[in-house]
Amino acid sequence: KNFFSKYPISLIDKKGFSNNNSSINTYSDDWNTISQSYKNSKKWVCEQCGVNLIHSKTLLHTHHINSQKNENNISNLRALCICCHANQPMHNHMLDTADAHSSLQEVLKIRRKQGIL
């Protein structure tokens, strides 16, 4: 009762999940297939900045808009280059590795070649 006096009732999970029966936020077993298919449907172009990564496919990610890795509805997915993906809320951890820095630089180089910046 105290919770709903402060927070809206719309926060109740409409599928009936609770902390006792909800699925763990992990990728589904078919995630790689779903991700590849989605990026292919977008012709390997970042949906945010427009960079074409057809020749550098590892630099294009499939992002879950609502951060639920197991919700693979098309409406919850976006094809994003690593730069745009890392700038999403709660994704700054993607910048913590040397490989990520190298990938970011590669995307920036491709963007410049394609006249995107």
C-alpha atoms as a PDB file:
ATOM      1  CA  LYS A   1       0.000   0.000   0.000  1.00  0.00           C
ATOM      2  CA  ASN A   2       2.818   2.421   0.894  1.00  0.00           C
ATOM      3  CA  PHE A   3       4.638   1.565  -2.321  1.00  0.00           C
ATOM      4  CA  PHE A   4       1.628   2.416  -4.514  1.00  0.00           C
ATOM      5  CA  SER A   5       0.987   5.639  -2.641  1.00  0.00           C
ATOM      6  CA  LYS A   6       4.391   6.785  -3.913  1.00  0.00           C
ATOM      7  CA  TYR A   7       4.737   4.874  -7.229  1.00  0.00           C
ATOM      8  CA  PRO A   8       2.114   4.395  -9.962  1.00  0.00           C
ATOM      9  CA  ILE A   9       0.159   1.174 -10.189  1.00  0.00           C
ATOM     10  CA  SER A  10       1.295   0.967 -13.835  1.00  0.00           C
ATOM     11  CA  LEU A  11       4.592  -0.428 -12.517  1.00  0.00           C
ATOM     12  CA  ILE A  12       2.902  -3.772 -11.895  1.00  0.00           C
ATOM     13  CA  ASP A  13       4.147  -6.300 -14.411  1.00  0.00           C
ATOM     14  CA  LYS A  14       1.254  -7.001 -16.757  1.00  0.00           C
ATOM     15  CA  LYS A  15       2.397 -10.587 -17.356  1.00  0.00           C
ATOM     16  CA  GLY A  16       2.075 -11.399 -13.670  1.00  0.00           C
ATOM     17  CA  PHE A  17       5.785 -11.761 -12.986  1.00  0.00           C
ATOM     18  CA  SER A  18       7.174 -11.059  -9.553  1.00  0.00           C
ATOM     19  CA  ASN A  19      10.580 -11.341  -7.924  1.00  0.00           C
ATOM     20  CA  ASN A  20       9.756 -15.008  -7.312  1.00  0.00           C
ATOM     21  CA  ASN A  21       8.796 -16.115 -10.804  1.00  0.00           C
ATOM     22  CA  SER A  22      10.278 -13.704 -13.334  1.00  0.00           C
ATOM     23  CA  SER A  23      12.888 -14.911 -15.787  1.00  0.00           C
ATOM     24  CA  ILE A  24      16.502 -13.909 -15.363  1.00  0.00           C
ATOM     25  CA  ASN A  25      17.595 -11.076 -17.639  1.00  0.00           C
ATOM     26  CA  THR A  26      19.804 -13.188 -19.885  1.00  0.00           C
ATOM     27  CA  TYR A  27      19.996 -13.649 -23.632  1.00  0.00           C
ATOM     28  CA  SER A  28      17.790 -16.344 -25.132  1.00  0.00           C
ATOM     29  CA  ASP A  29      19.406 -19.445 -26.635  1.00  0.00           C
ATOM     30  CA  ASP A  30      18.574 -18.205 -30.142  1.00  0.00           C
ATOM     31  CA  TRP A  31      19.888 -14.670 -29.549  1.00  0.00           C
ATOM     32  CA  ASN A  32      22.760 -14.894 -32.042  1.00  0.00           C
ATOM     33  CA  THR A  33      20.381 -15.934 -34.815  1.00  0.00           C
ATOM     34  CA  ILE A  34      17.860 -13.234 -33.895  1.00  0.00           C
ATOM     35  CA  SER A  35      20.566 -10.576 -33.703  1.00  0.00           C
ATOM     36  CA  GLN A  36      22.148 -11.496 -37.058  1.00  0.00           C
ATOM     37  CA  SER A  37      18.759 -11.613 -38.743  1.00  0.00           C
ATOM     38  CA  TYR A  38      17.768  -8.234 -37.320  1.00  0.00           C
ATOM     39  CA  LYS A  39      21.004  -6.513 -38.379  1.00  0.00           C
ATOM     40  CA  ASN A  40      20.686  -8.070 -41.824  1.00  0.00           C
ATOM     41  CA  SER A  41      17.115  -6.692 -42.083  1.00  0.00           C
ATOM     42  CA  LYS A  42      18.568  -3.232 -41.400  1.00  0.00           C
ATOM     43  CA  LYS A  43      21.203  -3.773 -44.103  1.00  0.00           C
ATOM     44  CA  TRP A  44      23.979  -3.403 -41.479  1.00  0.00           C
ATOM     45  CA  VAL A  45      23.250   0.318 -41.025  1.00  0.00           C
ATOM     46  CA  CYS A  46      23.145   1.943 -37.578  1.00  0.00           C
ATOM     47  CA  GLU A  47      19.594   3.098 -36.919  1.00  0.00           C
ATOM     48  CA  GLN A  48      20.838   6.096 -34.956  1.00  0.00           C
ATOM     49  CA  CYS A  49      23.755   7.650 -36.831  1.00  0.00           C
ATOM     50  CA  GLY A  50      23.351   5.984 -40.242  1.00  0.00           C
ATOM     51  CA  VAL A  51      26.857   4.526 -40.587  1.00  0.00           C
ATOM     52  CA  ASN A  52      26.938   1.538 -42.949  1.00  0.00           C
ATOM     53  CA  LEU A  53      28.904  -1.340 -41.423  1.00  0.00           C
ATOM     54  CA  ILE A  54      28.302  -3.995 -44.083  1.00  0.00           C
ATOM     55  CA  HIS A  55      32.087  -4.447 -44.344  1.00  0.00           C
ATOM     56  CA  SER A  56      32.704  -4.244 -40.578  1.00  0.00           C
ATOM     57  CA  LYS A  57      29.822  -6.280 -39.199  1.00  0.00           C
ATOM     58  CA  THR A  58      31.282  -6.833 -35.727  1.00  0.00           C
ATOM     59  CA  LEU A  59      30.950  -3.094 -35.087  1.00  0.00           C
ATOM     60  CA  LEU A  60      27.141  -3.226 -35.364  1.00  0.00           C
ATOM     61  CA  HIS A  61      25.258  -4.442 -32.287  1.00  0.00           C
ATOM     62  CA  THR A  62      21.631  -5.316 -31.648  1.00  0.00           C
ATOM     63  CA  HIS A  63      20.392  -3.260 -28.707  1.00  0.00           C
ATOM     64  CA  HIS A  64      17.418  -4.096 -26.478  1.00  0.00           C
ATOM     65  CA  ILE A  65      15.570  -0.801 -26.033  1.00  0.00           C
ATOM     66  CA  ASN A  66      14.026  -1.748 -22.681  1.00  0.00           C
ATOM     67  CA  SER A  67      17.255  -3.424 -21.453  1.00  0.00           C
ATOM     68  CA  GLN A  68      15.526  -6.800 -21.147  1.00  0.00           C
ATOM     69  CA  LYS A  69      17.880  -9.179 -22.942  1.00  0.00           C
ATOM     70  CA  ASN A  70      15.202 -11.860 -23.214  1.00  0.00           C
ATOM     71  CA  GLU A  71      12.569  -9.660 -24.906  1.00  0.00           C
ATOM     72  CA  ASN A  72      13.360 -10.082 -28.585  1.00  0.00           C
ATOM     73  CA  ASN A  73      10.296  -8.485 -30.141  1.00  0.00           C
ATOM     74  CA  ILE A  74      11.253  -6.447 -33.215  1.00  0.00           C
ATOM     75  CA  SER A  75       9.769  -3.369 -31.519  1.00  0.00           C
ATOM     76  CA  ASN A  76      12.327  -3.790 -28.699  1.00  0.00           C
ATOM     77  CA  LEU A  77      15.401  -4.034 -30.945  1.00  0.00           C
ATOM     78  CA  ARG A  78      17.635  -1.449 -32.617  1.00  0.00           C
ATOM     79  CA  ALA A  79      20.729  -1.944 -34.748  1.00  0.00           C
ATOM     80  CA  LEU A  80      23.372   0.383 -33.311  1.00  0.00           C
ATOM     81  CA  CYS A  81      27.046   0.884 -34.032  1.00  0.00           C
ATOM     82  CA  ILE A  82      29.232   0.416 -30.973  1.00  0.00           C
ATOM     83  CA  CYS A  83      29.489   4.215 -30.558  1.00  0.00           C
ATOM     84  CA  CYS A  84      25.724   4.733 -30.452  1.00  0.00           C
ATOM     85  CA  HIS A  85      25.231   1.588 -28.366  1.00  0.00           C
ATOM     86  CA  ALA A  86      27.760   2.699 -25.746  1.00  0.00           C
ATOM     87  CA  ASN A  87      25.915   6.027 -25.444  1.00  0.00           C
ATOM     88  CA  GLN A  88      22.646   4.369 -24.445  1.00  0.00           C
ATOM     89  CA  PRO A  89      21.572   4.703 -20.797  1.00  0.00           C
ATOM     90  CA  MET A  90      23.440   2.271 -18.528  1.00  0.00           C
ATOM     91  CA  HIS A  91      25.806   1.158 -21.300  1.00  0.00           C
ATOM     92  CA  ASN A  92      28.922   3.150 -20.412  1.00  0.00           C
ATOM     93  CA  HIS A  93      30.566  -0.114 -19.251  1.00  0.00           C
ATOM     94  CA  MET A  94      31.038  -0.882 -22.929  1.00  0.00           C
ATOM     95  CA  LEU A  95      33.840   1.685 -23.032  1.00  0.00           C
ATOM     96  CA  ASP A  96      35.969   0.011 -20.357  1.00  0.00           C
ATOM     97  CA  THR A  97      38.182  -2.184 -22.547  1.00  0.00           C
ATOM     98  CA  ALA A  98      41.033  -1.546 -24.958  1.00  0.00           C
ATOM     99  CA  ASP A  99      39.136  -3.493 -27.637  1.00  0.00           C
ATOM    100  CA  ALA A 100      36.151  -1.166 -27.219  1.00  0.00           C
ATOM    101  CA  HIS A 101      38.366   1.889 -27.675  1.00  0.00           C
ATOM    102  CA  SER A 102      39.803   0.397 -30.866  1.00  0.00           C
ATOM    103  CA  SER A 103      36.284  -0.412 -32.147  1.00  0.00           C
ATOM    104  CA  LEU A 104      35.069   3.109 -31.392  1.00  0.00           C
ATOM    105  CA  GLN A 105      37.982   4.560 -33.340  1.00  0.00           C
ATOM    106  CA  GLU A 106      37.236   2.257 -36.274  1.00  0.00           C
ATOM    107  CA  VAL A 107      33.577   3.362 -36.385  1.00  0.00           C
ATOM    108  CA  LEU A 108      34.628   7.021 -36.253  1.00  0.00           C
ATOM    109  CA  LYS A 109      37.027   6.387 -39.159  1.00  0.00           C
ATOM    110  CA  ILE A 110      34.237   4.724 -41.192  1.00  0.00           C
ATOM    111  CA  ARG A 111      31.835   7.545 -40.369  1.00  0.00           C
ATOM    112  CA  ARG A 112      34.348  10.110 -41.666  1.00  0.00           C
ATOM    113  CA  LYS A 113      34.809   8.120 -44.905  1.00  0.00           C
ATOM    114  CA  GLN A 114      31.018   8.041 -45.325  1.00  0.00           C
ATOM    115  CA  GLY A 115      30.668  11.755 -44.528  1.00  0.00           C
ATOM    116  CA  ILE A 116      28.853  11.127 -41.225  1.00  0.00           C
ATOM    117  CA  LEU A 117      29.844  13.170 -38.152  1.00  0.00           C
END
